[in-house]
C-alpha atoms as a PDB file:
ATOM      1  CA  MET A   1      90.115 101.558 145.775  1.00  0.00           C
ATOM      2  CA  SER A   2      87.014 103.617 146.579  1.00  0.00           C
ATOM      3  CA  ASP A   3      84.299 102.437 148.949  1.00  0.00           C
ATOM      4  CA  GLN A   4      81.938 102.073 146.005  1.00  0.00           C
ATOM      5  CA  SER A   5      84.417  99.866 144.134  1.00  0.00           C
ATOM      6  CA  VAL A   6      84.844  97.688 147.211  1.00  0.00           C
ATOM      7  CA  GLU A   7      81.084  97.280 147.522  1.00  0.00           C
ATOM      8  CA  ILE A   8      80.782  96.359 143.845  1.00  0.00           C
ATOM      9  CA  GLN A   9      83.544  93.775 144.172  1.00  0.00           C
ATOM     10  CA  LEU A  10      81.885  92.276 147.244  1.00  0.00           C
ATOM     11  CA  LEU A  11      78.563  92.093 145.398  1.00  0.00           C
ATOM     12  CA  LYS A  12      80.223  90.342 142.471  1.00  0.00           C
ATOM     13  CA  GLU A  13      81.776  87.778 144.803  1.00  0.00           C
ATOM     14  CA  GLU A  14      78.439  87.234 146.529  1.00  0.00           C
ATOM     15  CA  ILE A  15      76.706  86.714 143.168  1.00  0.00           C
ATOM     16  CA  VAL A  16      79.311  84.119 142.193  1.00  0.00           C
ATOM     17  CA  ARG A  17      78.851  82.357 145.553  1.00  0.00           C
ATOM     18  CA  LEU A  18      75.074  82.318 145.187  1.00  0.00           C
ATOM     19  CA  LYS A  19      75.325  80.943 141.638  1.00  0.00           C
ATOM     20  CA  ASP A  20      77.600  78.158 142.837  1.00  0.00           C
ATOM     21  CA  GLN A  21      75.216  77.360 145.695  1.00  0.00           C
ATOM     22  CA  LEU A  22      72.228  77.333 143.335  1.00  0.00           C
ATOM     23  CA  SER A  23      74.053  75.025 140.953  1.00  0.00           C
ATOM     24  CA  LYS A  24      74.941  72.698 143.835  1.00  0.00           C
ATOM     25  CA  ASN A  25      71.318  72.678 145.043  1.00  0.00           C
ATOM     26  CA  ASP A  26      70.097  71.839 141.542  1.00  0.00           C
ATOM     27  CA  ARG A  27      72.545  68.937 141.264  1.00  0.00           C
ATOM     28  CA  GLU A  28      71.509  67.612 144.678  1.00  0.00           C
ATOM     29  CA  ARG A  29      67.823  67.911 143.792  1.00  0.00           C
ATOM     30  CA  ILE A  30      68.290  66.013 140.526  1.00  0.00           C
ATOM     31  CA  GLU A  31      70.341  63.327 142.269  1.00  0.00           C
ATOM     32  CA  TYR A  32      67.709  63.017 144.996  1.00  0.00           C
ATOM     33  CA  LEU A  33      64.870  62.659 142.478  1.00  0.00           C
ATOM     34  CA  GLN A  34      66.827  60.031 140.555  1.00  0.00           C
ATOM     35  CA  ASN A  35      67.519  58.062 143.729  1.00  0.00           C
ATOM     36  CA  VAL A  36      63.896  58.244 144.883  1.00  0.00           C
ATOM     37  CA  ALA A  37      62.643  57.159 141.459  1.00  0.00           C
ATOM     38  CA  HIS A  38      65.109  54.258 141.415  1.00  0.00           C
ATOM     39  CA  GLN A  39      64.121  53.127 144.905  1.00  0.00           C
ATOM     40  CA  LEU A  40      60.394  53.393 144.162  1.00  0.00           C
ATOM     41  CA  VAL A  41      60.664  51.385 140.946  1.00  0.00           C
ATOM     42  CA  ALA A  42      62.205  48.383 142.716  1.00  0.00           C
ATOM     43  CA  PRO A  43      59.353  47.658 145.185  1.00  0.00           C
ATOM     44  CA  LEU A  44      56.668  48.526 142.626  1.00  0.00           C
ATOM     45  CA  ASN A  45      58.160  46.107 140.095  1.00  0.00           C
ATOM     46  CA  ALA A  46      58.366  43.436 142.784  1.00  0.00           C
ATOM     47  CA  ILE A  47      54.707  43.974 143.694  1.00  0.00           C
ATOM     48  CA  LYS A  48      53.712  43.793 140.011  1.00  0.00           C
ATOM     49  CA  TRP A  49      55.654  40.558 139.502  1.00  0.00           C
ATOM     50  CA  HIS A  50      54.181  38.940 142.629  1.00  0.00           C
ATOM     51  CA  ILE A  51      50.629  39.899 141.647  1.00  0.00           C
ATOM     52  CA  GLU A  52      51.128  38.419 138.177  1.00  0.00           C
ATOM     53  CA  ASN A  53      52.246  35.137 139.728  1.00  0.00           C
ATOM     54  CA  LEU A  54      49.285  35.093 142.111  1.00  0.00           C
ATOM     55  CA  THR A  55      46.635  35.944 139.507  1.00  0.00           C
ATOM     56  CA  GLN A  56      47.979  33.410 137.014  1.00  0.00           C
ATOM     57  CA  ALA A  57      48.120  30.638 139.634  1.00  0.00           C
ATOM     58  CA  ARG A  58      51.795  29.913 139.064  1.00  0.00           C
ATOM     59  CA  ILE A  59      52.476  29.163 142.722  1.00  0.00           C
ATOM     60  CA  GLY A  60      50.993  26.979 145.447  1.00  0.00           C
ATOM     61  CA  VAL A  61      49.166  27.990 148.624  1.00  0.00           C
ATOM     62  CA  ASP A  62      52.184  27.863 150.947  1.00  0.00           C
ATOM     63  CA  ARG A  63      54.332  29.822 148.541  1.00  0.00           C
ATOM     64  CA  GLY A  64      51.438  32.222 148.002  1.00  0.00           C
ATOM     65  CA  LYS A  65      51.440  33.161 151.685  1.00  0.00           C
ATOM     66  CA  LYS A  66      55.124  34.083 151.467  1.00  0.00           C
ATOM     67  CA  VAL A  67      54.481  36.089 148.305  1.00  0.00           C
ATOM     68  CA  LEU A  68      51.682  38.058 149.976  1.00  0.00           C
ATOM     69  CA  ARG A  69      53.987  38.746 152.879  1.00  0.00           C
ATOM     70  CA  SER A  70      56.573  40.061 150.436  1.00  0.00           C
ATOM     71  CA  VAL A  71      53.952  42.207 148.678  1.00  0.00           C
ATOM     72  CA  TYR A  72      53.064  43.770 152.030  1.00  0.00           C
ATOM     73  CA  SER A  73      56.743  44.405 152.755  1.00  0.00           C
ATOM     74  CA  GLN A  74      57.372  46.007 149.367  1.00  0.00           C
ATOM     75  CA  ALA A  75      54.235  48.159 149.655  1.00  0.00           C
ATOM     76  CA  THR A  76      55.341  49.361 153.099  1.00  0.00           C
ATOM     77  CA  GLN A  77      58.710  50.314 151.640  1.00  0.00           C
ATOM     78  CA  ALA A  78      57.101  52.229 148.760  1.00  0.00           C
ATOM     79  CA  VAL A  79      54.793  54.153 151.117  1.00  0.00           C
ATOM     80  CA  HIS A  80      57.745  54.903 153.387  1.00  0.00           C
ATOM     81  CA  LEU A  81      59.738  56.331 150.448  1.00  0.00           C
ATOM     82  CA  ALA A  82      56.777  58.404 149.244  1.00  0.00           C
ATOM     83  CA  LYS A  83      56.283  59.944 152.700  1.00  0.00           C
ATOM     84  CA  ASN A  84      59.963  60.829 152.919  1.00  0.00           C
ATOM     85  CA  PHE A  85      59.723  62.423 149.492  1.00  0.00           C
ATOM     86  CA  ALA A  86      56.768  64.552 150.617  1.00  0.00           C
ATOM     87  CA  LEU A  87      58.589  65.617 153.791  1.00  0.00           C
ATOM     88  CA  MET A  88      61.747  66.431 151.861  1.00  0.00           C
ATOM     89  CA  SER A  89      59.738  68.570 149.449  1.00  0.00           C
ATOM     90  CA  ASN A  90      58.368  70.548 152.398  1.00  0.00           C
ATOM     91  CA  LEU A  91      61.838  70.952 153.862  1.00  0.00           C
ATOM     92  CA  GLU A  92      63.055  72.445 150.588  1.00  0.00           C
ATOM     93  CA  GLY A  93      60.679  75.371 150.999  1.00  0.00           C
ATOM     94  CA  ASP A  94      59.981  75.382 154.736  1.00  0.00           C
ATOM     95  CA  HIS A  95      62.875  74.429 156.975  1.00  0.00           C
ATOM     96  CA  ALA A  96      60.650  74.341 160.086  1.00  0.00           C
ATOM     97  CA  LEU A  97      58.150  71.920 158.492  1.00  0.00           C
ATOM     98  CA  THR A  98      55.338  74.275 159.494  1.00  0.00           C
ATOM     99  CA  ALA A  99      53.753  73.705 156.090  1.00  0.00           C
ATOM    100  CA  MET A 100      52.623  70.306 157.372  1.00  0.00           C
ATOM    101  CA  ARG A 101      50.267  72.033 159.848  1.00  0.00           C
ATOM    102  CA  GLU A 102      49.740  68.791 161.744  1.00  0.00           C
ATOM    103  CA  PRO A 103      47.676  69.023 164.953  1.00  0.00           C
ATOM    104  CA  LEU A 104      49.040  67.862 168.292  1.00  0.00           C
ATOM    105  CA  GLN A 105      47.697  64.772 170.004  1.00  0.00           C
ATOM    106  CA  PRO A 106      48.740  62.634 173.001  1.00  0.00           C
ATOM    107  CA  VAL A 107      50.392  59.422 171.798  1.00  0.00           C
ATOM    108  CA  ASN A 108      51.380  56.255 173.612  1.00  0.00           C
ATOM    109  CA  LEU A 109      54.860  55.600 172.216  1.00  0.00           C
ATOM    110  CA  CYS A 110      54.854  51.969 173.339  1.00  0.00           C
ATOM    111  CA  GLN A 111      51.791  51.218 171.210  1.00  0.00           C
ATOM    112  CA  LEU A 112      53.252  53.210 168.321  1.00  0.00           C
ATOM    113  CA  MET A 113      56.451  51.139 168.473  1.00  0.00           C
ATOM    114  CA  VAL A 114      54.481  47.874 168.527  1.00  0.00           C
ATOM    115  CA  ASN A 115      52.491  48.970 165.455  1.00  0.00           C
ATOM    116  CA  LEU A 116      55.648  49.955 163.574  1.00  0.00           C
ATOM    117  CA  ALA A 117      57.453  46.754 164.544  1.00  0.00           C
ATOM    118  CA  ASP A 118      54.522  44.776 163.118  1.00  0.00           C
ATOM    119  CA  ASP A 119      54.557  46.844 159.925  1.00  0.00           C
ATOM    120  CA  PHE A 120      58.283  46.506 159.315  1.00  0.00           C
ATOM    121  CA  GLN A 121      58.659  42.870 160.411  1.00  0.00           C
ATOM    122  CA  PRO A 122      57.914  41.562 156.874  1.00  0.00           C
ATOM    123  CA  GLN A 123      61.017  43.418 155.634  1.00  0.00           C
ATOM    124  CA  GLY A 124      63.039  41.595 158.266  1.00  0.00           C
ATOM    125  CA  TRP A 125      61.787  38.107 157.374  1.00  0.00           C
ATOM    126  CA  ASP A 126      63.798  37.975 154.150  1.00  0.00           C
ATOM    127  CA  LYS A 127      67.010  38.410 156.187  1.00  0.00           C
ATOM    128  CA  GLU A 128      65.750  36.402 159.177  1.00  0.00           C
ATOM    129  CA  ILE A 129      65.772  39.537 161.325  1.00  0.00           C
ATOM    130  CA  HIS A 130      63.352  39.740 164.244  1.00  0.00           C
ATOM    131  CA  VAL A 131      61.986  43.167 165.240  1.00  0.00           C
ATOM    132  CA  SER A 132      60.911  43.264 168.883  1.00  0.00           C
ATOM    133  CA  VAL A 133      59.632  45.831 171.370  1.00  0.00           C
ATOM    134  CA  ASP A 134      60.467  45.573 175.067  1.00  0.00           C
ATOM    135  CA  ASN A 135      57.191  46.778 176.599  1.00  0.00           C
ATOM    136  CA  ASP A 136      58.589  47.246 180.084  1.00  0.00           C
ATOM    137  CA  PRO A 137      59.094  50.014 181.203  1.00  0.00           C
ATOM    138  CA  LEU A 138      58.027  51.870 178.028  1.00  0.00           C
ATOM    139  CA  GLN A 139      54.368  50.899 178.426  1.00  0.00           C
ATOM    140  CA  SER A 140      54.174  52.779 181.743  1.00  0.00           C
ATOM    141  CA  ALA A 141      55.540  56.012 180.245  1.00  0.00           C
ATOM    142  CA  PRO A 142      53.079  58.910 179.903  1.00  0.00           C
ATOM    143  CA  ASP A 143      51.608  59.852 176.538  1.00  0.00           C
ATOM    144  CA  VAL A 144      53.645  62.388 174.570  1.00  0.00           C
ATOM    145  CA  LEU A 145      52.009  65.432 172.963  1.00  0.00           C
ATOM    146  CA  ILE A 146      53.260  65.289 169.376  1.00  0.00           C
ATOM    147  CA  MET A 147      52.406  65.651 165.698  1.00  0.00           C
ATOM    148  CA  LYS A 148      51.833  61.936 165.302  1.00  0.00           C
ATOM    149  CA  PRO A 149      52.297  61.460 161.519  1.00  0.00           C
ATOM    150  CA  LEU A 150      55.640  63.270 161.645  1.00  0.00           C
ATOM    151  CA  VAL A 151      56.993  61.365 164.655  1.00  0.00           C
ATOM    152  CA  THR A 152      55.733  58.117 163.131  1.00  0.00           C
ATOM    153  CA  GLN A 153      57.881  58.888 160.101  1.00  0.00           C
ATOM    154  CA  VAL A 154      60.883  59.505 162.362  1.00  0.00           C
ATOM    155  CA  PHE A 155      60.666  56.040 163.875  1.00  0.00           C
ATOM    156  CA  SER A 156      59.829  54.505 160.485  1.00  0.00           C
ATOM    157  CA  ASN A 157      63.040  55.939 159.060  1.00  0.00           C
ATOM    158  CA  ILE A 158      65.136  54.652 161.947  1.00  0.00           C
ATOM    159  CA  ILE A 159      63.579  51.164 162.028  1.00  0.00           C
ATOM    160  CA  GLU A 160      63.801  50.793 158.250  1.00  0.00           C
ATOM    161  CA  ASN A 161      67.497  51.677 158.395  1.00  0.00           C
ATOM    162  CA  ALA A 162      68.055  49.320 161.317  1.00  0.00           C
ATOM    163  CA  ILE A 163      66.643  46.410 159.312  1.00  0.00           C
ATOM    164  CA  LYS A 164      68.399  47.393 156.090  1.00  0.00           C
ATOM    165  CA  TYR A 165      71.846  47.549 157.679  1.00  0.00           C
ATOM    166  CA  SER A 166      71.486  44.572 160.025  1.00  0.00           C
ATOM    167  CA  VAL A 167      73.311  41.321 159.400  1.00  0.00           C
ATOM    168  CA  LYS A 168      71.324  38.204 158.550  1.00  0.00           C
ATOM    169  CA  ASN A 169      69.782  36.197 161.396  1.00  0.00           C
ATOM    170  CA  SER A 170      69.921  39.005 163.969  1.00  0.00           C
ATOM    171  CA  ARG A 171      67.591  41.272 165.916  1.00  0.00           C
ATOM    172  CA  VAL A 172      66.363  44.860 165.990  1.00  0.00           C
ATOM    173  CA  ASP A 173      65.460  45.685 169.584  1.00  0.00           C
ATOM    174  CA  ILE A 174      63.293  48.656 170.551  1.00  0.00           C
ATOM    175  CA  GLN A 175      63.429  49.772 174.168  1.00  0.00           C
ATOM    176  CA  GLY A 176      62.176  52.791 176.056  1.00  0.00           C
ATOM    177  CA  SER A 177      61.546  54.442 179.393  1.00  0.00           C
ATOM    178  CA  TYR A 178      60.348  57.628 181.048  1.00  0.00           C
ATOM    179  CA  ASP A 179      62.951  60.067 182.379  1.00  0.00           C
ATOM    180  CA  LYS A 180      61.121  61.775 185.228  1.00  0.00           C
ATOM    181  CA  GLY A 181      63.940  64.259 185.794  1.00  0.00           C
ATOM    182  CA  THR A 182      63.694  65.759 182.300  1.00  0.00           C
ATOM    183  CA  ASP A 183      60.019  64.814 181.704  1.00  0.00           C
ATOM    184  CA  GLU A 184      60.997  62.988 178.519  1.00  0.00           C
ATOM    185  CA  VAL A 185      60.095  59.636 177.008  1.00  0.00           C
ATOM    186  CA  VAL A 186      63.244  57.945 175.699  1.00  0.00           C
ATOM    187  CA  VAL A 187      63.169  55.345 172.901  1.00  0.00           C
ATOM    188  CA  SER A 188      66.272  53.478 171.695  1.00  0.00           C
ATOM    189  CA  ILE A 189      66.519  51.282 168.597  1.00  0.00           C
ATOM    190  CA  HIS A 190      69.394  48.770 168.552  1.00  0.00           C
ATOM    191  CA  ASN A 191      70.556  46.820 165.526  1.00  0.00           C
ATOM    192  CA  ARG A 192      73.344  44.332 164.788  1.00  0.00           C
ATOM    193  CA  GLY A 193      75.156  45.315 161.642  1.00  0.00           C
ATOM    194  CA  ILE A 194      77.365  48.093 160.362  1.00  0.00           C
ATOM    195  CA  PRO A 195      79.000  49.859 163.351  1.00  0.00           C
ATOM    196  CA  LEU A 196      79.322  53.638 163.231  1.00  0.00           C
ATOM    197  CA  ARG A 197      82.701  55.318 163.418  1.00  0.00           C
ATOM    198  CA  GLU A 198      82.927  58.280 165.780  1.00  0.00           C
ATOM    199  CA  GLU A 199      83.049  60.739 162.879  1.00  0.00           C
ATOM    200  CA  ASP A 200      79.928  59.113 161.406  1.00  0.00           C
ATOM    201  CA  THR A 201      77.910  59.618 164.601  1.00  0.00           C
ATOM    202  CA  LEU A 202      78.569  63.356 164.252  1.00  0.00           C
ATOM    203  CA  ARG A 203      77.730  63.586 160.540  1.00  0.00           C
ATOM    204  CA  ILE A 204      75.071  60.940 159.950  1.00  0.00           C
ATOM    205  CA  PHE A 205      72.206  63.437 160.392  1.00  0.00           C
ATOM    206  CA  GLU A 206      73.589  65.823 157.773  1.00  0.00           C
ATOM    207  CA  ARG A 207      71.588  66.305 154.602  1.00  0.00           C
ATOM    208  CA  GLY A 208      72.562  63.619 152.085  1.00  0.00           C
ATOM    209  CA  TYR A 209      75.355  62.115 154.192  1.00  0.00           C
ATOM    210  CA  ARG A 210      75.902  58.345 154.041  1.00  0.00           C
ATOM    211  CA  THR A 211      78.726  56.301 155.496  1.00  0.00           C
ATOM    212  CA  GLN A 212      81.095  54.549 153.107  1.00  0.00           C
ATOM    213  CA  GLU A 213      79.862  51.157 154.331  1.00  0.00           C
ATOM    214  CA  ALA A 214      76.245  52.157 153.656  1.00  0.00           C
ATOM    215  CA  ARG A 215      77.112  53.339 150.137  1.00  0.00           C
ATOM    216  CA  ASP A 216      78.956  50.094 149.440  1.00  0.00           C
ATOM    217  CA  GLN A 217      76.053  47.962 150.658  1.00  0.00           C
ATOM    218  CA  TYR A 218      73.163  50.046 149.222  1.00  0.00           C
ATOM    219  CA  PRO A 219      74.467  52.404 146.471  1.00  0.00           C
ATOM    220  CA  ALA A 220      71.009  53.869 145.676  1.00  0.00           C
ATOM    221  CA  GLY A 221      70.251  55.327 149.120  1.00  0.00           C
ATOM    222  CA  THR A 222      69.337  59.010 149.429  1.00  0.00           C
ATOM    223  CA  GLY A 223      70.848  59.871 152.808  1.00  0.00           C
ATOM    224  CA  PHE A 224      67.805  62.004 153.687  1.00  0.00           C
ATOM    225  CA  GLY A 225      65.905  59.743 156.091  1.00  0.00           C
ATOM    226  CA  LEU A 226      67.912  60.578 159.217  1.00  0.00           C
ATOM    227  CA  TYR A 227      68.191  64.237 158.190  1.00  0.00           C
ATOM    228  CA  ILE A 228      64.387  64.438 158.050  1.00  0.00           C
ATOM    229  CA  ALA A 229      64.097  62.555 161.350  1.00  0.00           C
ATOM    230  CA  LYS A 230      66.453  64.969 163.097  1.00  0.00           C
ATOM    231  CA  LYS A 231      64.520  68.000 161.836  1.00  0.00           C
ATOM    232  CA  ILE A 232      61.201  66.595 163.051  1.00  0.00           C
ATOM    233  CA  ILE A 233      62.530  65.703 166.506  1.00  0.00           C
ATOM    234  CA  GLU A 234      64.098  69.150 166.891  1.00  0.00           C
ATOM    235  CA  LEU A 235      60.734  70.654 165.916  1.00  0.00           C
ATOM    236  CA  HIS A 236      59.331  68.762 168.921  1.00  0.00           C
ATOM    237  CA  ARG A 237      62.064  70.211 171.191  1.00  0.00           C
ATOM    238  CA  GLY A 238      63.586  66.738 171.522  1.00  0.00           C
ATOM    239  CA  SER A 239      66.866  65.129 170.528  1.00  0.00           C
ATOM    240  CA  LEU A 240      68.031  62.330 168.221  1.00  0.00           C
ATOM    241  CA  THR A 241      71.481  60.820 168.694  1.00  0.00           C
ATOM    242  CA  ALA A 242      73.450  57.871 167.364  1.00  0.00           C
ATOM    243  CA  ARG A 243      76.223  55.790 168.830  1.00  0.00           C
ATOM    244  CA  SER A 244      78.049  52.619 167.992  1.00  0.00           C
ATOM    245  CA  HIS A 245      78.222  49.487 170.109  1.00  0.00           C
ATOM    246  CA  SER A 246      80.234  46.308 169.684  1.00  0.00           C
ATOM    247  CA  ALA A 247      77.665  44.613 167.465  1.00  0.00           C
ATOM    248  CA  GLY A 248      76.098  47.529 165.578  1.00  0.00           C
ATOM    249  CA  SER A 249      74.416  50.871 166.259  1.00  0.00           C
ATOM    250  CA  VAL A 250      71.953  52.504 168.652  1.00  0.00           C
ATOM    251  CA  PHE A 251      69.694  55.425 167.753  1.00  0.00           C
ATOM    252  CA  THR A 252      68.066  57.205 170.684  1.00  0.00           C
ATOM    253  CA  VAL A 253      65.102  59.583 170.537  1.00  0.00           C
ATOM    254  CA  ARG A 254      64.196  61.771 173.513  1.00  0.00           C
ATOM    255  CA  LEU A 255      60.791  63.464 173.326  1.00  0.00           C
ATOM    256  CA  PRO A 256      59.541  65.936 175.957  1.00  0.00           C
ATOM    257  CA  VAL A 257      56.090  64.975 177.177  1.00  0.00           C
ATOM    258  CA  ARG A 258      54.479  68.390 176.746  1.00  0.00           C
ATOM    259  CA  ALA A 259      57.093  70.698 175.178  1.00  0.00           C
ATOM    260  CA  LEU A 260      54.707  71.790 172.413  1.00  0.00           C
ATOM    261  CA  ALA A 261      51.716  72.465 174.669  1.00  0.00           C
ATOM    262  CA  GLY A 262      50.267  75.805 173.578  1.00  0.00           C
ATOM    263  CA  LYS A 263      52.599  75.963 170.550  1.00  0.00           C
ATOM    264  CA  ALA A 264      50.209  74.429 167.995  1.00  0.00           C
ATOM    265  CA  ARG A 265      46.576  73.467 167.681  1.00  0.00           C
ATOM    266  CA  HIS A 266      45.305  70.255 169.220  1.00  0.00           C
ATOM    267  CA  LEU A 267      43.428  67.505 167.466  1.00  0.00           C
ATOM    268  CA  GLY A 268      39.830  68.646 166.920  1.00  0.00           C
ATOM    269  CA  PRO A 269      36.634  66.599 166.362  1.00  0.00           C
ATOM    270  CA  LYS A 270      37.054  66.537 162.559  1.00  0.00           C
ATOM    271  CA  ASP A 271      40.688  65.541 162.904  1.00  0.00           C
ATOM    272  CA  ARG A 272      39.798  62.737 165.312  1.00  0.00           C
ATOM    273  CA  PHE A 273      37.225  61.381 162.877  1.00  0.00           C
ATOM    274  CA  ALA A 274      39.796  61.370 160.067  1.00  0.00           C
ATOM    275  CA  ARG A 275      42.452  59.763 162.284  1.00  0.00           C
ATOM    276  CA  ALA A 276      39.994  57.026 163.316  1.00  0.00           C
ATOM    277  CA  CYS A 277      40.325  55.599 159.798  1.00  0.00           C
ATOM    278  CA  SER A 278      44.130  55.472 159.943  1.00  0.00           C
ATOM    279  CA  HIS A 279      46.195  52.470 161.035  1.00  0.00           C
ATOM    280  CA  TYR A 280      47.950  54.286 163.822  1.00  0.00           C
END
């Protein structure tokens, strides 16, 4: 066979491979959109039903307080899903997430964890799960220079999963510290629920991967939350790991204090004004 024939054959094989990959990507994209749509419909329908009950005075005051708490929980879930969808869309076309163009700002991770614990606690109430933050020694850790909205989404994804896969009447504990040797702030999120097998701890951050237990318990999950989280933490020169313990799982984030200094723009006056209106 001539060199030209060999090259033609190789090109044909490459074309076939690329077509197969494109077809696989299309199937994954359709499946992802279907899953996101399904997961968004559930909290939105719940919110609609609760509002109808409230406006038509079908429930008493005490029950109304619980309903409002549920509305808040469902709205938080819907916002969380929408943000993941936006991040996933950026990852499809920009694997470094540079399209987000978020400015850097110093962030107190202890305060961020307290805010997120408060936001996600309503989701835990239905299963009698308490979300708590151990302030000491995390509160004495230095601020971390990060793209705050992105890192907030990282911890949102992990905490939401921790609550979802926890057993009833348990706890989600958030702890942290400062590692002076590596100049990193370390945050660990512990839950009591589905333990991770060793092979799962290696694969759980892969795009679309879900453990068999997770699929059995929540069939409609996307498997993209931890994938997105891993990408964002790596963008910050940090690390995200998972391990199993006797009662559940532990996810640990390590973020260098100033790894991105000089790598991206800092928060300017206009940015600070806009951020002043945000919850975090």
